[in-house]
């Protein structure tokens, strides 16, 4: 893995990220603020479900 590669945000995962999960917690952040987690193919579903269940997930972009 090169220094330029982005690593998955899932705990303990070192796989290259291929998706950006853009989210916002409306109780903490202004409406225009966007936070980002990144995910490999294996963790895309679990990370996006975690955010979506809380109503935080705005969109998923391909890196």
Protein backbone atom coordinates (compact mmCIF):
# COMPACT_ATOMS: atom_id res chain seq x y z
CA UNK A 1 0.00 0.00 0.00
CA UNK A 2 1.40 3.40 -0.95
CA UNK A 3 1.29 6.54 1.18
CA UNK A 4 -1.36 8.00 -1.15
CA UNK A 5 -3.90 5.21 -0.60
CA UNK A 6 -6.78 5.89 1.75
CA UNK A 7 -7.42 3.16 4.35
CA UNK A 8 -10.88 1.93 5.36
CA UNK A 9 -12.36 3.54 8.50
CA UNK A 10 -13.59 0.23 9.94
CA UNK A 11 -11.84 -0.70 13.17
CA UNK A 12 -8.75 -2.79 12.49
CA UNK A 13 -9.17 -2.77 8.71
CA UNK A 14 -6.14 -1.83 6.61
CA UNK A 15 -7.74 -2.40 3.20
CA UNK A 16 -7.79 0.39 0.62
CA UNK A 17 -10.96 2.46 0.77
CA UNK A 18 -13.05 2.69 -2.39
CA UNK A 19 -16.13 4.55 -1.07
CA UNK A 20 -16.67 7.78 0.85
CA UNK A 21 -19.62 7.82 3.25
CA UNK A 22 -20.69 11.43 3.70
CA UNK A 23 -22.63 12.07 6.88
CA UNK A 24 -23.79 14.69 9.35
CA UNK A 25 -25.10 14.51 12.92
CA UNK A 26 -27.71 17.28 12.99
CA UNK A 27 -27.60 17.45 16.80
CA UNK A 28 -23.90 18.37 16.69
CA UNK A 29 -23.19 19.86 13.27
CA UNK A 30 -24.60 22.71 11.21
CA UNK A 31 -26.56 21.64 8.13
CA UNK A 32 -23.71 22.57 5.77
CA UNK A 33 -21.10 20.51 7.64
CA UNK A 34 -20.17 17.18 6.07
CA UNK A 35 -18.12 14.51 7.79
CA UNK A 36 -16.59 11.60 5.88
CA UNK A 37 -15.79 8.00 6.65
CA UNK A 38 -14.17 5.83 3.99
CA UNK A 39 -14.89 2.16 3.38
CA UNK A 40 -13.49 -0.82 1.52
CA UNK A 41 -15.95 -3.10 -0.33
CA UNK A 42 -16.14 -5.47 2.66
CA UNK A 43 -17.15 -2.79 5.18
CA UNK A 44 -19.32 -0.55 2.99
CA UNK A 45 -22.56 -2.18 4.11
CA UNK A 46 -21.86 -2.25 7.85
CA UNK A 47 -20.53 1.33 8.03
CA UNK A 48 -23.33 2.74 5.89
CA UNK A 49 -25.98 0.85 7.91
CA UNK A 50 -24.53 2.21 11.16
CA UNK A 51 -24.83 5.79 9.89
CA UNK A 52 -28.19 5.27 8.16
CA UNK A 53 -29.87 3.77 11.24
CA UNK A 54 -29.04 6.98 13.11
CA UNK A 55 -30.25 9.18 10.26
CA UNK A 56 -26.74 10.54 9.66
CA UNK A 57 -25.92 9.16 6.20
CA UNK A 58 -26.28 11.71 3.40
CA UNK A 59 -24.71 9.86 0.48
CA UNK A 60 -22.10 7.34 -0.62
CA UNK A 61 -19.55 8.45 -3.21
CA UNK A 62 -17.05 6.34 -5.14
CA UNK A 63 -13.44 7.39 -4.54
